[in-house]
Protein backbone atom coordinates (compact mmCIF):
# COMPACT_ATOMS: atom_id res chain seq x y z
CA UNK A 1 104.10 138.85 113.00
CA UNK A 2 104.95 136.55 115.91
CA UNK A 3 102.48 134.43 117.82
CA UNK A 4 100.99 135.92 120.97
CA UNK A 5 101.59 133.59 123.93
CA UNK A 6 101.44 134.04 127.67
CA UNK A 7 101.49 131.40 130.37
CA UNK A 8 99.25 133.64 132.46
CA UNK A 9 96.46 133.84 129.88
CA UNK A 10 93.99 131.31 131.23
CA UNK A 11 91.00 130.99 133.53
CA UNK A 12 91.03 130.02 137.22
CA UNK A 13 90.54 126.43 138.38
CA UNK A 14 90.21 123.65 135.77
CA UNK A 15 92.03 120.33 135.46
CA UNK A 16 94.68 118.56 133.36
CA UNK A 17 93.41 115.14 132.21
CA UNK A 18 95.66 113.06 129.89
CA UNK A 19 95.39 114.50 126.39
CA UNK A 20 95.53 111.17 124.50
CA UNK A 21 95.79 112.94 121.12
CA UNK A 22 99.14 111.63 119.86
CA UNK A 23 97.70 108.71 117.90
CA UNK A 24 95.58 110.88 115.59
CA UNK A 25 96.83 114.48 115.62
CA UNK A 26 99.27 113.79 112.77
CA UNK A 27 96.86 111.72 110.67
CA UNK A 28 95.41 113.65 107.69
CA UNK A 29 91.66 113.81 107.06
CA UNK A 30 90.43 110.90 104.93
CA UNK A 31 87.08 110.54 103.18
CA UNK A 32 84.78 107.86 104.59
CA UNK A 33 82.73 105.54 102.32
CA UNK A 34 78.95 105.86 101.99
CA UNK A 35 76.92 103.41 104.06
CA UNK A 36 74.29 101.19 102.34
CA UNK A 37 71.60 103.10 104.26
CA UNK A 38 71.73 106.57 105.83
CA UNK A 39 69.70 107.42 108.95
CA UNK A 40 68.99 111.16 109.09
CA UNK A 41 67.29 112.56 112.23
CA UNK A 42 65.35 115.78 111.68
CA UNK A 43 66.35 117.11 115.11
CA UNK A 44 70.10 117.67 114.83
CA UNK A 45 70.28 121.05 116.53
CA UNK A 46 69.19 122.97 119.58
CA UNK A 47 65.80 124.41 118.67
CA UNK A 48 63.03 123.16 116.42
CA UNK A 49 63.62 120.13 114.17
CA UNK A 50 63.35 120.45 110.42
CA UNK A 51 60.21 119.39 108.53
CA UNK A 52 60.43 116.80 105.71
CA UNK A 53 59.59 118.03 102.20
CA UNK A 54 60.22 114.73 100.39
CA UNK A 55 58.11 111.58 100.09
CA UNK A 56 58.90 107.91 100.43
CA UNK A 57 60.21 106.46 97.17
CA UNK A 58 61.42 109.83 95.90
CA UNK A 59 64.87 110.06 94.33
CA UNK A 60 67.07 112.88 95.65
CA UNK A 61 70.48 114.23 94.74
CA UNK A 62 73.34 114.87 97.13
CA UNK A 63 73.03 118.29 98.75
CA UNK A 64 69.29 118.62 98.04
CA UNK A 65 67.15 120.01 100.87
CA UNK A 66 65.05 117.11 102.16
CA UNK A 67 63.65 118.88 105.23
CA UNK A 68 63.05 122.60 105.64
CA UNK A 69 63.69 124.80 108.68
CA UNK A 70 60.57 125.09 110.84
CA UNK A 71 61.35 128.53 112.27
CA UNK A 72 64.16 130.96 112.99
CA UNK A 73 65.80 128.69 115.60
CA UNK A 74 65.92 125.81 113.15
CA UNK A 75 67.93 124.76 110.11
CA UNK A 76 67.18 122.65 107.03
CA UNK A 77 68.51 119.14 106.45
CA UNK A 78 70.30 118.21 103.23
CA UNK A 79 70.65 114.82 101.57
CA UNK A 80 74.10 113.42 102.44
CA UNK A 81 74.03 111.26 99.30
CA UNK A 82 72.16 110.82 96.04
CA UNK A 83 69.67 108.02 96.44
CA UNK A 84 66.09 107.01 97.21
CA UNK A 85 64.02 107.95 100.25
CA UNK A 86 63.21 104.56 101.73
CA UNK A 87 61.14 105.67 104.69
CA UNK A 88 60.07 108.67 106.75
CA UNK A 89 59.45 107.66 110.35
CA UNK A 90 61.06 107.14 113.72
CA UNK A 91 64.83 106.75 113.91
CA UNK A 92 67.03 105.89 116.94
CA UNK A 93 68.85 108.77 118.66
CA UNK A 94 71.62 109.13 121.22
CA UNK A 95 69.08 110.02 123.92
CA UNK A 96 67.71 106.49 123.73
CA UNK A 97 64.40 107.75 122.38
CA UNK A 98 63.02 107.46 118.88
CA UNK A 99 62.50 110.66 116.90
CA UNK A 100 61.31 111.55 113.41
CA UNK A 101 63.84 111.07 110.67
CA UNK A 102 64.50 109.92 107.12
CA UNK A 103 66.02 106.65 105.86
CA UNK A 104 67.95 107.13 102.61
CA UNK A 105 69.34 104.41 100.33
CA UNK A 106 72.34 105.85 98.42
CA UNK A 107 72.76 104.84 94.77
CA UNK A 108 75.60 102.26 94.82
CA UNK A 109 77.33 103.40 91.61
CA UNK A 110 76.64 107.14 91.75
CA UNK A 111 79.55 109.59 91.57
CA UNK A 112 77.96 111.53 94.48
CA UNK A 113 78.97 114.85 92.97
CA UNK A 114 77.34 117.97 94.38
CA UNK A 115 75.72 120.61 92.17
CA UNK A 116 76.61 124.27 92.53
CA UNK A 117 74.01 126.41 94.27
CA UNK A 118 73.58 130.16 94.50
CA UNK A 119 76.91 131.58 95.73
CA UNK A 120 77.01 134.26 98.39
CA UNK A 121 79.71 136.91 97.92
CA UNK A 122 81.06 138.19 101.22
CA UNK A 123 81.83 141.61 99.77
CA UNK A 124 78.53 142.33 98.04
CA UNK A 125 75.99 140.36 100.12
CA UNK A 126 74.14 142.14 102.92
CA UNK A 127 74.29 141.03 106.55
CA UNK A 128 70.76 139.61 106.35
CA UNK A 129 71.62 137.71 103.15
CA UNK A 130 74.68 136.13 104.78
CA UNK A 131 72.72 135.15 107.89
CA UNK A 132 70.00 133.63 105.69
CA UNK A 133 72.63 131.76 103.67
CA UNK A 134 74.19 130.29 106.83
CA UNK A 135 70.75 129.10 107.95
CA UNK A 136 69.96 127.72 104.48
CA UNK A 137 73.24 125.80 104.55
CA UNK A 138 72.05 124.01 107.70
CA UNK A 139 75.13 125.07 109.67
CA UNK A 140 75.17 124.52 113.43
CA UNK A 141 77.95 124.63 116.01
CA UNK A 142 80.27 121.74 115.16
CA UNK A 143 82.07 121.79 118.50
CA UNK A 144 79.30 119.63 119.95
CA UNK A 145 76.58 122.05 121.08
CA UNK A 146 74.84 122.11 117.66
CA UNK A 147 73.30 125.52 118.27
CA UNK A 148 72.13 127.11 114.97
CA UNK A 149 75.00 129.36 113.92
CA UNK A 150 72.86 132.01 112.25
CA UNK A 151 71.01 132.60 115.54
CA UNK A 152 74.28 133.15 117.41
CA UNK A 153 75.41 135.65 114.78
CA UNK A 154 72.31 137.81 115.06
CA UNK A 155 73.64 140.52 117.39
CA UNK A 156 70.73 141.72 119.58
CA UNK A 157 69.59 145.32 119.36
CA UNK A 158 71.46 147.44 121.89
CA UNK A 159 74.48 145.09 121.92
CA UNK A 160 77.77 145.52 120.08
CA UNK A 161 80.38 142.96 119.08
CA UNK A 162 83.94 144.26 119.05
CA UNK A 163 85.74 140.90 118.89
CA UNK A 164 85.11 137.74 116.89
CA UNK A 165 86.71 134.83 118.78
CA UNK A 166 87.41 131.70 116.74
CA UNK A 167 87.61 128.67 119.03
CA UNK A 168 90.42 126.33 117.99
CA UNK A 169 91.16 125.06 121.50
CA UNK A 170 89.74 121.51 121.28
CA UNK A 171 90.57 120.69 124.91
CA UNK A 172 88.53 117.46 124.99
CA UNK A 173 90.84 114.42 125.36
CA UNK A 174 91.34 112.16 122.32
CA UNK A 175 89.74 114.54 119.78
CA UNK A 176 91.87 116.05 116.99
CA UNK A 177 89.14 117.11 114.55
CA UNK A 178 89.69 120.86 114.90
CA UNK A 179 93.47 120.39 114.92
CA UNK A 180 93.41 118.76 111.49
CA UNK A 181 90.88 121.28 110.14
CA UNK A 182 93.24 124.12 111.11
CA UNK A 183 96.15 122.41 109.36
CA UNK A 184 94.28 121.35 106.22
CA UNK A 185 91.50 123.93 105.71
CA UNK A 186 93.18 127.27 106.46
CA UNK A 187 91.78 128.97 103.35
CA UNK A 188 88.23 127.95 104.28
CA UNK A 189 88.76 129.26 107.83
CA UNK A 190 89.89 132.69 106.64
CA UNK A 191 87.05 132.86 104.10
CA UNK A 192 84.63 131.98 106.89
CA UNK A 193 86.12 134.70 109.11
CA UNK A 194 85.50 137.23 106.34
CA UNK A 195 81.78 136.40 106.37
CA UNK A 196 81.66 136.41 110.18
CA UNK A 197 83.39 139.77 110.56
CA UNK A 198 80.89 141.37 108.23
CA UNK A 199 77.87 139.82 109.96
CA UNK A 200 78.97 140.60 113.53
CA UNK A 201 80.48 144.01 112.80
CA UNK A 202 83.50 143.02 114.90
CA UNK A 203 86.63 145.13 114.58
CA UNK A 204 88.98 142.16 114.89
CA UNK A 205 89.13 138.38 114.90
CA UNK A 206 91.30 136.29 117.24
CA UNK A 207 91.87 132.58 116.75
CA UNK A 208 92.43 130.98 120.16
CA UNK A 209 94.57 127.82 120.13
CA UNK A 210 96.08 125.79 122.98
CA UNK A 211 99.85 125.37 123.17
CA UNK A 212 99.65 121.66 122.31
CA UNK A 213 98.75 122.65 118.74
CA UNK A 214 101.65 124.96 117.92
CA UNK A 215 101.91 123.54 114.40
CA UNK A 216 98.32 124.63 113.72
CA UNK A 217 98.90 128.04 115.33
CA UNK A 218 102.03 128.65 113.26
CA UNK A 219 100.32 127.42 110.09
CA UNK A 220 97.37 129.78 110.50
CA UNK A 221 99.61 132.68 111.50
CA UNK A 222 101.64 132.15 108.33
CA UNK A 223 98.54 132.09 106.11
CA UNK A 224 96.67 135.11 107.46
CA UNK A 225 95.67 137.03 104.30
CA UNK A 226 97.73 140.17 103.72
CA UNK A 227 94.53 142.20 103.36
CA UNK A 228 93.34 141.09 106.84
CA UNK A 229 95.57 142.77 109.46
CA UNK A 230 92.69 142.57 111.96
CA UNK A 231 93.08 138.76 112.27
CA UNK A 232 95.51 137.33 114.83
CA UNK A 233 96.34 134.03 116.53
CA UNK A 234 96.54 133.74 120.33
CA UNK A 235 98.24 130.71 121.91
CA UNK A 236 97.07 129.87 125.44
CA UNK A 237 98.22 127.31 128.03
CA UNK A 238 96.80 123.79 127.95
CA UNK A 239 94.01 123.32 130.46
CA UNK A 240 90.59 121.70 130.54
CA UNK A 241 87.84 122.96 129.88
CA UNK A 242 89.40 125.91 128.07
CA UNK A 243 87.38 125.14 124.95
CA UNK A 244 84.20 126.31 126.69
CA UNK A 245 83.50 129.72 125.21
CA UNK A 246 83.19 131.51 128.57
CA UNK A 247 86.56 130.10 129.66
CA UNK A 248 88.16 131.00 126.33
CA UNK A 249 86.88 134.57 126.52
CA UNK A 250 88.48 134.92 129.95
CA UNK A 251 91.74 133.35 128.80
CA UNK A 252 92.17 135.38 125.60
CA UNK A 253 90.48 138.68 126.46
CA UNK A 254 90.41 138.79 130.25
CA UNK A 255 86.64 139.36 130.20
CA UNK A 256 84.18 137.45 132.37
CA UNK A 257 80.74 136.57 131.04
CA UNK A 258 78.22 137.18 133.85
CA UNK A 259 76.16 134.38 135.40
CA UNK A 260 73.28 133.61 133.08
CA UNK A 261 74.82 135.88 130.43
CA UNK A 262 76.07 135.36 126.89
CA UNK A 263 79.39 136.25 125.20
CA UNK A 264 77.73 139.19 123.45
CA UNK A 265 77.18 140.73 126.91
CA UNK A 266 80.95 141.37 126.97
CA UNK A 267 81.19 142.31 123.29
CA UNK A 268 82.21 138.92 121.93
CA UNK A 269 80.84 136.40 119.44
CA UNK A 270 82.61 133.02 119.69
CA UNK A 271 82.47 130.49 116.83
CA UNK A 272 84.09 127.06 116.62
CA UNK A 273 86.91 126.81 114.07
CA UNK A 274 85.35 123.86 112.20
CA UNK A 275 82.06 125.75 111.98
CA UNK A 276 83.97 128.73 110.57
CA UNK A 277 85.63 126.49 107.98
CA UNK A 278 82.23 125.12 106.90
CA UNK A 279 80.91 128.66 106.38
CA UNK A 280 83.94 129.45 104.24
CA UNK A 281 83.60 126.18 102.31
CA UNK A 282 79.87 126.15 101.67
CA UNK A 283 78.68 129.74 101.17
CA UNK A 284 80.85 130.55 98.10
CA UNK A 285 79.18 127.58 96.36
CA UNK A 286 75.67 127.93 97.79
CA UNK A 287 75.75 124.44 99.24
CA UNK A 288 74.47 122.84 102.44
CA UNK A 289 76.29 120.77 105.06
CA UNK A 290 76.26 117.08 104.18
CA UNK A 291 79.36 115.79 105.97
CA UNK A 292 81.77 116.72 108.72
CA UNK A 293 85.23 115.80 110.04
CA UNK A 294 85.20 113.37 112.97
CA UNK A 295 87.99 111.81 115.04
CA UNK A 296 87.55 108.06 115.49
CA UNK A 297 89.90 106.80 118.17
CA UNK A 298 90.32 105.14 121.54
CA UNK A 299 91.95 101.91 122.75
CA UNK A 300 89.22 99.85 121.09
CA UNK A 301 89.72 101.21 117.54
CA UNK A 302 92.09 99.53 115.06
CA UNK A 303 92.16 102.13 112.23
CA UNK A 304 92.23 105.36 114.21
CA UNK A 305 92.03 108.60 112.29
CA UNK A 306 90.27 111.79 111.29
CA UNK A 307 87.55 111.10 108.75
CA UNK A 308 85.22 113.18 106.59
CA UNK A 309 81.98 111.30 107.22
CA UNK A 310 78.55 111.78 105.61
CA UNK A 311 75.94 112.91 108.15
CA UNK A 312 73.51 110.07 108.76
CA UNK A 313 76.13 107.31 108.62
CA UNK A 314 75.10 104.61 111.16
CA UNK A 315 77.55 104.20 114.03
CA UNK A 316 77.59 100.43 113.54
CA UNK A 317 78.80 100.90 109.95
CA UNK A 318 81.47 103.35 111.13
CA UNK A 319 82.86 100.82 113.61
CA UNK A 320 82.76 98.02 111.03
CA UNK A 321 84.84 100.12 108.64
CA UNK A 322 87.54 101.16 111.13
CA UNK A 323 87.61 97.83 112.98
CA UNK A 324 87.29 97.38 116.73
CA UNK A 325 88.74 95.06 119.33
CA UNK A 326 86.73 92.03 120.48
CA UNK A 327 86.38 93.29 124.04
CA UNK A 328 84.95 96.79 123.48
CA UNK A 329 82.82 97.96 126.39
CA UNK A 330 81.82 101.60 125.88
CA UNK A 331 81.45 103.86 122.84
CA UNK A 332 81.25 107.62 123.28
CA UNK A 333 79.99 110.18 120.81
CA UNK A 334 82.18 113.17 121.56
CA UNK A 335 85.06 112.87 124.01
CA UNK A 336 85.20 111.05 127.36
CA UNK A 337 84.69 114.23 129.41
CA UNK A 338 81.63 115.82 127.78
CA UNK A 339 80.56 113.11 125.38
CA UNK A 340 77.76 110.60 125.90
CA UNK A 341 78.11 106.82 126.10
CA UNK A 342 75.76 105.25 123.55
CA UNK A 343 73.37 102.40 124.26
CA UNK A 344 72.57 101.62 120.64
CA UNK A 345 75.05 101.24 117.78
CA UNK A 346 72.32 101.87 115.20
CA UNK A 347 72.22 105.59 115.95
CA UNK A 348 73.70 107.82 113.22
CA UNK A 349 76.47 110.38 113.01
CA UNK A 350 74.86 113.84 113.22
CA UNK A 351 76.04 117.42 112.74
CA UNK A 352 77.08 117.77 116.39
CA UNK A 353 79.19 114.58 116.46
CA UNK A 354 82.81 115.68 116.88
CA UNK A 355 84.27 112.28 117.66
CA UNK A 356 83.76 108.59 118.30
CA UNK A 357 85.86 107.21 121.16
CA UNK A 358 85.85 103.47 121.89
CA UNK A 359 87.01 101.91 125.16
CA UNK A 360 87.62 98.25 125.93
CA UNK A 361 86.74 96.33 129.09
CA UNK A 362 90.27 96.96 130.37
CA UNK A 363 89.80 100.73 130.62
CA UNK A 364 86.19 100.62 131.80
CA UNK A 365 86.87 98.16 134.64
CA UNK A 366 89.62 100.43 135.93
CA UNK A 367 87.15 103.30 136.34
CA UNK A 368 84.06 101.45 137.58
CA UNK A 369 84.97 101.50 141.23
CA UNK A 370 82.49 101.65 144.10
CA UNK A 371 80.85 105.02 144.75
CA UNK A 372 81.59 106.30 148.26
CA UNK A 373 79.87 109.06 150.25
CA UNK A 374 81.10 112.64 149.76
CA UNK A 375 83.99 113.34 152.17
CA UNK A 376 83.71 117.14 151.82
CA UNK A 377 87.29 117.36 150.53
CA UNK A 378 86.53 120.33 148.26
CA UNK A 379 88.37 118.91 145.24
CA UNK A 380 85.33 119.49 143.02
CA UNK A 381 85.02 123.10 144.21
CA UNK A 382 88.68 123.73 143.35
CA UNK A 383 88.22 122.19 139.90
CA UNK A 384 84.97 123.88 138.85
CA UNK A 385 85.84 126.57 136.26
CA UNK A 386 82.73 128.64 137.02
CA UNK A 387 83.05 128.53 140.82
CA UNK A 388 79.99 126.42 141.59
CA UNK A 389 79.79 124.07 144.59
CA UNK A 390 79.41 120.63 142.95
CA UNK A 391 79.49 118.87 146.32
CA UNK A 392 76.46 120.77 147.61
CA UNK A 393 74.69 120.44 144.28
CA UNK A 394 75.26 116.67 144.34
CA UNK A 395 73.78 116.38 147.83
CA UNK A 396 70.76 118.44 146.80
CA UNK A 397 70.29 116.32 143.66
CA UNK A 398 70.02 113.18 145.79
CA UNK A 399 67.40 114.93 147.93
CA UNK A 400 65.57 116.16 144.80
CA UNK A 401 66.10 119.76 145.86
CA UNK A 402 66.01 120.96 142.27
CA UNK A 403 64.59 124.43 142.90
CA UNK A 404 67.28 125.18 145.46
CA UNK A 405 69.94 123.87 143.07
CA UNK A 406 68.80 126.30 140.38
CA UNK A 407 68.00 129.30 142.58
CA UNK A 408 70.58 129.35 145.34
CA UNK A 409 73.40 127.36 143.74
CA UNK A 410 73.16 128.40 140.04
CA UNK A 411 72.83 124.90 138.60
CA UNK A 412 71.90 126.20 135.14
CA UNK A 413 75.32 127.88 134.82
CA UNK A 414 76.91 124.41 134.77
CA UNK A 415 77.93 123.45 131.22
CA UNK A 416 78.64 119.82 132.21
CA UNK A 417 82.39 119.81 131.59
CA UNK A 418 82.84 116.86 133.95
CA UNK A 419 85.77 118.35 135.88
CA UNK A 420 84.05 117.69 139.22
CA UNK A 421 83.41 114.04 138.40
CA UNK A 422 86.99 113.62 137.19
CA UNK A 423 88.59 114.78 140.46
CA UNK A 424 86.08 113.25 142.91
CA UNK A 425 87.91 110.72 145.15
CA UNK A 426 84.57 109.12 146.03
CA UNK A 427 83.84 108.47 142.35
CA UNK A 428 80.47 110.25 142.58
CA UNK A 429 78.98 110.78 139.08
CA UNK A 430 78.24 114.44 139.76
CA UNK A 431 77.81 115.59 136.17
CA UNK A 432 75.23 112.86 135.58
CA UNK A 433 73.29 114.10 138.61
CA UNK A 434 73.38 117.63 137.22
CA UNK A 435 72.23 116.59 133.74
CA UNK A 436 69.27 114.75 135.24
CA UNK A 437 68.42 117.66 137.56
CA UNK A 438 68.50 120.18 134.71
CA UNK A 439 66.34 117.91 132.59
CA UNK A 440 63.73 117.74 135.36
CA UNK A 441 63.79 121.53 135.78
CA UNK A 442 63.33 122.07 132.03
CA UNK A 443 60.36 119.71 131.97
CA UNK A 444 58.78 121.61 134.86
CA UNK A 445 59.29 124.89 133.04
């Protein structure tokens, strides 16, 4: 079977920032060492944080549940290493605020092997058993959103999923995490798809991949199991932000998710490819998520690569291990478009961390130009993939017209891709205005 590819299969608008993937997309995944201390926040997902079930001074083994889910929209937290619970208290987070977490001291000479749990068989397990197993494994969206995967898979009553869409686009500049997962973990991906097809009831699965990853597309196409003719690979043109699930659904299926709607409203469940691989890797062994693949790159990094890193590894330790230039200026968790610049290197790697990108003073100075008034050029309107008016929203944000932003101009539809900020000739930080405005509206609600 040949790959499906059409230059017309894409969404309207969007941008083409430099990809900056060449330095890591051919580097195989390498295992990262364990840090002397692990910092494990209990809020690593959208929804309720987990609740600790261990005590200070207690010895735990790698993969053991150390915090239980506190509701349906919540997942448990597993020990990323065998060691001793040093402290349960506040830990630093990317938001700049402290939050409850666990400090774990790994045993220095331990083999860090993981015990087998209760395996879940995709053929014999019920839908509810698979959903429960995905929650028990602590799996969240690994593309960056960190939404509990089991919640997404629970198809609402009255809705029907006809297509499972596996998101292998990875349009964010610099990041090659999903690219390497597709090349190195194909068996896990197809095992994960088997679970997902059963849970969603979808008739088919399509793996969407951008044309700059043809090696991954060809590799997956070649390894589609013979007993799975309902799985296919779709190659789509390179454009940002095509990795956003609404944009991908339009590009691959020609369907448009309505404003305020979800993919299931058009018969689709979309799951990130790395998340799918984790389901296929963990459920057959009854294990929980303790580590994830992360791209560490950028002009400020000496040993760039794709690393399998224990969750809870402090960012400072990560940078010490890979080496950084003397003049580093900004460090992003995630990519430069949708990621967040950190203010504290003592924050840890969490489940939603897809990459660490480090910039030096040379790159940052080039972009920190003076902010000018909006010139009404319309560049942001032409770039916005969901047809908002970022210029008007930015003006309203300055005037604190938050209710009008949400009601008349659909602010909450914005998924903060950063396209408007990227093309703005006045260098207005529009996406930052929108994040702040949405935060204020959520607090009011």
